[in-house]
C-alpha cells in the first residue's frame, strides 16, 4: 500500500519555464440534496483551479443551481451539468478557455444516462484537456464507458489531459484498471492525505479518482485533511462522498 506524504500540498503557480502547478478537485455533490453551503466551504478550503463535479443538478433550474454553487465557491461554470447528464466542470479565472464540449454516452434501456463534461484550457504556458465523468453502476456498461473515456481523451488531441470522477468501482475492478493502464492514477503516483472516498461517515473504499496522462507530474493526491477552513463537520454534511484533491505540474506546451 502506498504511504501518503505529509507535506503541504503545493499552491497554484506558473513556473518560469511556462509549466503550471494547478490544484484540481473531484467531488460528487449528490445533486446538492445535502448542505450546499457546506459543499461550497469544502471547495473553497481546497483552493482549486478546477473542480470536476459529479451528480450536478440536472432538472428544474439546473443552470441557476450550478452558477450559485460556483459563485459560493469563488469559481465560474466551465462546462457540463444537465447537458452532460450530471458531470460538471468549474474553474477559476486563472484559466483561459479554448473550447468546451458536453458528451452524452449511449443510453442503455433501464439505466441512468451518462456523459462527460470536457474542456480544453490554457493555464500559464500549459495546454490541457479536462474530463469529468461518473461511470455506470452496471459492470459491463461501466467497462464500455471506460473505453469511451479513453477514446475521448485521445480525440481531444492535447499534449496533456486530466480525468477525474466517480468511477463507481474500486482500484481492483476491471474498469478502474483499464483507465489506470493508460493514465496515471494520481493517488498511486503521489499519495497524500486520505485514501478512501466513500462514505464520509465510514470511509472504507476508494471509488473516486483523479487520473492524468503521462508527463504530468503528480505532486500529491488524496482526500484533503487538515486544510485551513476545512472541517470534518462540513465534509460529512456536504454530500455522501469525500472529495479528492491533487496538485499537478503540467509541462509547458511550447
Protein backbone atom coordinates (compact mmCIF):
# COMPACT_ATOMS: atom_id res chain seq x y z
CA UNK A 1 0.00 0.00 0.00
CA UNK A 2 1.23 3.48 -0.85
CA UNK A 3 2.32 5.65 2.08
CA UNK A 4 0.71 9.12 1.96
CA UNK A 5 3.02 12.12 2.07
CA UNK A 6 2.59 14.55 4.94
CA UNK A 7 3.96 17.70 3.26
CA UNK A 8 1.57 20.57 2.48
CA UNK A 9 0.05 20.36 -0.98
CA UNK A 10 1.73 22.93 -3.28
CA UNK A 11 -0.11 26.12 -4.16
CA UNK A 12 -1.07 27.03 -7.72
CA UNK A 13 1.61 28.90 -9.64
CA UNK A 14 3.17 29.39 -13.05
CA UNK A 15 6.82 28.39 -13.29
CA UNK A 16 9.50 30.43 -15.15
CA UNK A 17 9.62 27.73 -17.85
CA UNK A 18 5.89 28.17 -18.55
CA UNK A 19 4.77 25.00 -16.80
CA UNK A 20 1.80 25.34 -14.46
CA UNK A 21 1.21 23.92 -11.00
CA UNK A 22 -2.54 23.51 -10.61
CA UNK A 23 -4.86 22.21 -7.92
CA UNK A 24 -7.77 20.06 -9.09
CA UNK A 25 -10.67 18.70 -7.07
CA UNK A 26 -13.04 15.84 -7.87
CA UNK A 27 -16.30 15.87 -5.93
CA UNK A 28 -19.62 14.01 -6.14
CA UNK A 29 -22.13 16.51 -4.72
CA UNK A 30 -25.26 14.29 -4.87
CA UNK A 31 -27.30 16.88 -6.80
CA UNK A 32 -26.88 19.34 -3.90
CA UNK A 33 -29.51 17.42 -1.93
CA UNK A 34 -27.50 17.82 1.28
CA UNK A 35 -25.85 21.01 2.62
CA UNK A 36 -24.94 23.25 -0.33
CA UNK A 37 -23.17 25.81 1.85
CA UNK A 38 -21.03 23.07 3.41
CA UNK A 39 -20.10 21.80 -0.08
CA UNK A 40 -19.08 25.32 -1.10
CA UNK A 41 -16.96 25.72 2.04
CA UNK A 42 -15.21 22.41 1.30
CA UNK A 43 -14.45 23.54 -2.25
CA UNK A 44 -13.17 26.97 -1.13
CA UNK A 45 -10.91 25.42 1.51
CA UNK A 46 -9.25 23.27 -1.18
CA UNK A 47 -8.46 26.36 -3.32
CA UNK A 48 -8.78 24.51 -6.65
CA UNK A 49 -8.16 25.86 -10.11
CA UNK A 50 -10.60 23.26 -11.48
CA UNK A 51 -13.41 21.25 -9.91
CA UNK A 52 -14.57 18.05 -11.58
CA UNK A 53 -18.12 17.68 -10.26
CA UNK A 54 -20.33 14.62 -10.45
CA UNK A 55 -24.08 14.50 -9.84
CA UNK A 56 -24.59 18.18 -10.50
CA UNK A 57 -28.27 19.26 -10.52
CA UNK A 58 -29.92 18.13 -13.78
CA UNK A 59 -33.52 19.22 -13.61
CA UNK A 60 -35.51 22.37 -12.71
CA UNK A 61 -33.33 25.49 -12.99
CA UNK A 62 -30.17 23.39 -13.01
CA UNK A 63 -28.08 26.19 -14.55
CA UNK A 64 -29.05 28.50 -11.69
CA UNK A 65 -28.02 25.88 -9.13
CA UNK A 66 -24.67 25.31 -10.86
CA UNK A 67 -23.98 29.03 -11.10
CA UNK A 68 -24.88 29.55 -7.43
CA UNK A 69 -22.52 26.77 -6.31
CA UNK A 70 -19.76 28.23 -8.47
CA UNK A 71 -20.29 31.72 -7.02
CA UNK A 72 -20.30 30.42 -3.44
CA UNK A 73 -17.09 28.55 -4.24
CA UNK A 74 -15.48 31.65 -5.79
CA UNK A 75 -15.32 29.94 -9.20
CA UNK A 76 -17.20 30.03 -12.51
CA UNK A 77 -19.02 27.36 -14.53
CA UNK A 78 -16.85 25.96 -17.32
CA UNK A 79 -18.99 23.21 -18.89
CA UNK A 80 -21.38 20.36 -18.23
CA UNK A 81 -24.37 19.89 -15.97
CA UNK A 82 -27.62 18.50 -17.32
CA UNK A 83 -26.24 18.65 -20.87
CA UNK A 84 -23.61 16.09 -19.82
CA UNK A 85 -26.07 14.06 -17.68
CA UNK A 86 -24.53 15.25 -14.41
CA UNK A 87 -20.76 15.82 -14.74
CA UNK A 88 -19.82 19.49 -14.43
CA UNK A 89 -16.60 21.50 -14.61
CA UNK A 90 -15.91 24.63 -12.55
CA UNK A 91 -12.79 26.75 -12.88
CA UNK A 92 -11.00 29.79 -11.52
CA UNK A 93 -10.34 32.89 -13.58
CA UNK A 94 -6.75 31.72 -13.89
CA UNK A 95 -7.75 29.53 -16.85
CA UNK A 96 -8.08 30.67 -20.45
CA UNK A 97 -10.76 28.54 -22.11
CA UNK A 98 -10.07 27.25 -25.61
CA UNK A 99 -13.25 25.23 -26.06
CA UNK A 100 -15.78 23.06 -24.22
CA UNK A 101 -17.92 20.09 -25.20
CA UNK A 102 -20.57 18.10 -23.36
CA UNK A 103 -20.81 14.46 -24.42
CA UNK A 104 -23.78 12.15 -23.90
CA UNK A 105 -22.97 8.44 -23.90
CA UNK A 106 -25.19 5.74 -25.42
CA UNK A 107 -28.27 5.06 -23.31
CA UNK A 108 -28.82 1.53 -22.02
CA UNK A 109 -32.58 1.00 -21.54
CA UNK A 110 -33.45 0.90 -17.85
CA UNK A 111 -30.17 2.51 -16.75
CA UNK A 112 -29.26 6.11 -15.97
CA UNK A 113 -27.93 8.23 -18.85
CA UNK A 114 -24.24 9.04 -18.51
CA UNK A 115 -21.98 11.63 -20.09
CA UNK A 116 -18.73 13.58 -19.94
CA UNK A 117 -18.12 17.28 -19.32
CA UNK A 118 -14.98 18.25 -21.24
CA UNK A 119 -12.89 21.32 -21.92
CA UNK A 120 -9.51 22.35 -23.30
CA UNK A 121 -7.86 25.21 -21.42
CA UNK A 122 -4.58 27.04 -21.20
CA UNK A 123 -3.02 27.97 -17.90
CA UNK A 124 0.40 29.59 -17.85
CA UNK A 125 2.22 28.08 -20.81
CA UNK A 126 0.42 24.76 -20.48
CA UNK A 127 -2.44 23.46 -22.64
CA UNK A 128 -4.50 20.72 -21.02
CA UNK A 129 -7.69 18.77 -21.62
CA UNK A 130 -10.19 18.20 -18.79
CA UNK A 131 -12.84 15.48 -18.49
CA UNK A 132 -15.29 14.98 -15.62
CA UNK A 133 -17.05 11.60 -15.52
CA UNK A 134 -19.45 9.48 -13.49
CA UNK A 135 -19.36 5.89 -14.72
CA UNK A 136 -22.20 3.37 -14.61
CA UNK A 137 -23.20 1.24 -11.65
CA UNK A 138 -23.55 -1.72 -14.06
CA UNK A 139 -20.27 -3.57 -14.63
CA UNK A 140 -20.39 -4.21 -18.39
CA UNK A 141 -21.66 -0.72 -19.19
CA UNK A 142 -19.02 0.79 -16.89
CA UNK A 143 -16.26 -1.11 -18.69
CA UNK A 144 -17.51 0.09 -22.06
CA UNK A 145 -17.70 3.67 -20.77
CA UNK A 146 -14.09 3.44 -19.56
CA UNK A 147 -13.11 2.64 -23.14
CA UNK A 148 -15.18 5.56 -24.47
CA UNK A 149 -13.47 7.82 -21.94
CA UNK A 150 -10.02 6.83 -23.18
CA UNK A 151 -11.15 7.35 -26.78
CA UNK A 152 -12.45 10.82 -25.87
CA UNK A 153 -9.14 11.78 -24.23
CA UNK A 154 -7.33 10.67 -27.39
CA UNK A 155 -9.75 12.65 -29.57
CA UNK A 156 -9.14 15.84 -27.58
CA UNK A 157 -5.71 15.98 -29.26
CA UNK A 158 -3.98 17.76 -26.38
CA UNK A 159 -0.45 17.33 -25.05
CA UNK A 160 -1.77 16.59 -21.56
CA UNK A 161 -5.11 15.70 -20.01
CA UNK A 162 -6.71 15.27 -16.59
CA UNK A 163 -9.65 12.93 -15.98
CA UNK A 164 -11.49 12.85 -12.68
CA UNK A 165 -14.71 11.47 -11.33
CA UNK A 166 -16.78 8.85 -9.60
CA UNK A 167 -15.63 5.56 -11.11
CA UNK A 168 -18.18 3.54 -9.12
CA UNK A 169 -15.54 0.88 -8.70
CA UNK A 170 -12.52 0.15 -6.53
CA UNK A 171 -8.99 0.15 -7.99
CA UNK A 172 -9.02 -3.65 -8.30
CA UNK A 173 -12.03 -3.53 -10.65
CA UNK A 174 -11.53 -4.09 -14.37
CA UNK A 175 -12.85 -0.65 -15.44
CA UNK A 176 -10.60 1.17 -12.96
CA UNK A 177 -7.68 -0.98 -14.10
CA UNK A 178 -8.50 -0.19 -17.74
CA UNK A 179 -8.14 3.51 -17.00
CA UNK A 180 -5.03 3.08 -14.86
CA UNK A 181 -3.34 1.08 -17.64
CA UNK A 182 -3.44 4.12 -19.95
CA UNK A 183 -3.42 7.02 -17.45
CA UNK A 184 -1.63 7.75 -14.20
CA UNK A 185 -3.77 7.02 -11.14
CA UNK A 186 -2.74 10.11 -9.21
CA UNK A 187 -3.25 8.57 -5.75
CA UNK A 188 -0.85 5.75 -6.67
CA UNK A 189 1.63 8.18 -8.25
CA UNK A 190 1.67 10.68 -5.37
CA UNK A 191 -0.38 9.61 -2.34
CA UNK A 192 -1.19 12.46 0.02
CA UNK A 193 -3.96 12.97 2.60
CA UNK A 194 -6.59 10.26 2.91
CA UNK A 195 -7.27 7.37 0.53
CA UNK A 196 -10.91 6.37 0.92
CA UNK A 197 -13.70 8.48 -0.55
CA UNK A 198 -16.84 6.57 0.44
CA UNK A 199 -18.53 7.25 2.75
CA UNK A 200 -17.78 10.41 4.79
CA UNK A 201 -19.07 8.80 7.98
CA UNK A 202 -17.31 5.47 7.33
CA UNK A 203 -14.50 5.85 4.76
CA UNK A 204 -13.70 2.31 3.60
CA UNK A 205 -13.34 2.33 -0.19
CA UNK A 206 -11.78 4.41 -2.96
CA UNK A 207 -14.27 4.79 -5.81
CA UNK A 208 -13.46 8.40 -6.79
CA UNK A 209 -10.19 9.19 -8.53
CA UNK A 210 -8.09 11.67 -10.45
CA UNK A 211 -6.10 10.45 -13.46
CA UNK A 212 -3.55 12.25 -15.63
CA UNK A 213 -1.76 11.47 -18.85
CA UNK A 214 1.90 10.54 -18.82
CA UNK A 215 4.18 13.56 -18.48
CA UNK A 216 2.02 15.30 -15.89
CA UNK A 217 3.90 15.38 -12.57
CA UNK A 218 1.79 14.38 -9.58
CA UNK A 219 2.84 16.46 -6.58
CA UNK A 220 0.22 14.94 -4.28
CA UNK A 221 -3.28 13.46 -4.45
CA UNK A 222 -5.83 12.26 -1.93
CA UNK A 223 -8.74 13.14 0.29
CA UNK A 224 -7.92 16.56 1.80
CA UNK A 225 -7.48 16.52 5.56
CA UNK A 226 -6.50 19.30 7.93
CA UNK A 227 -6.60 22.18 5.47
CA UNK A 228 -7.35 25.64 6.89
CA UNK A 229 -11.11 26.18 6.82
CA UNK A 230 -11.88 22.51 6.13
CA UNK A 231 -13.88 20.85 8.89
CA UNK A 232 -14.96 17.28 9.46
CA UNK A 233 -18.50 18.55 10.03
CA UNK A 234 -18.61 20.13 6.56
CA UNK A 235 -17.19 17.02 4.90
CA UNK A 236 -19.94 14.93 6.50
CA UNK A 237 -22.74 17.41 5.85
CA UNK A 238 -21.95 18.33 2.24
CA UNK A 239 -22.64 15.06 0.40
CA UNK A 240 -22.23 11.27 0.57
CA UNK A 241 -18.70 11.25 -0.94
CA UNK A 242 -15.40 12.70 0.19
CA UNK A 243 -13.56 14.90 -2.32
CA UNK A 244 -10.22 14.11 -3.95
CA UNK A 245 -7.68 16.91 -4.26
CA UNK A 246 -4.49 16.86 -6.35
CA UNK A 247 -1.64 19.23 -7.12
CA UNK A 248 -0.24 18.61 -10.58
CA UNK A 249 2.57 20.19 -12.60
CA UNK A 250 1.56 20.49 -16.27
CA UNK A 251 4.51 20.97 -18.65
CA UNK A 252 4.52 23.97 -20.96
CA UNK A 253 3.10 23.12 -24.36
CA UNK A 254 5.55 25.17 -26.41
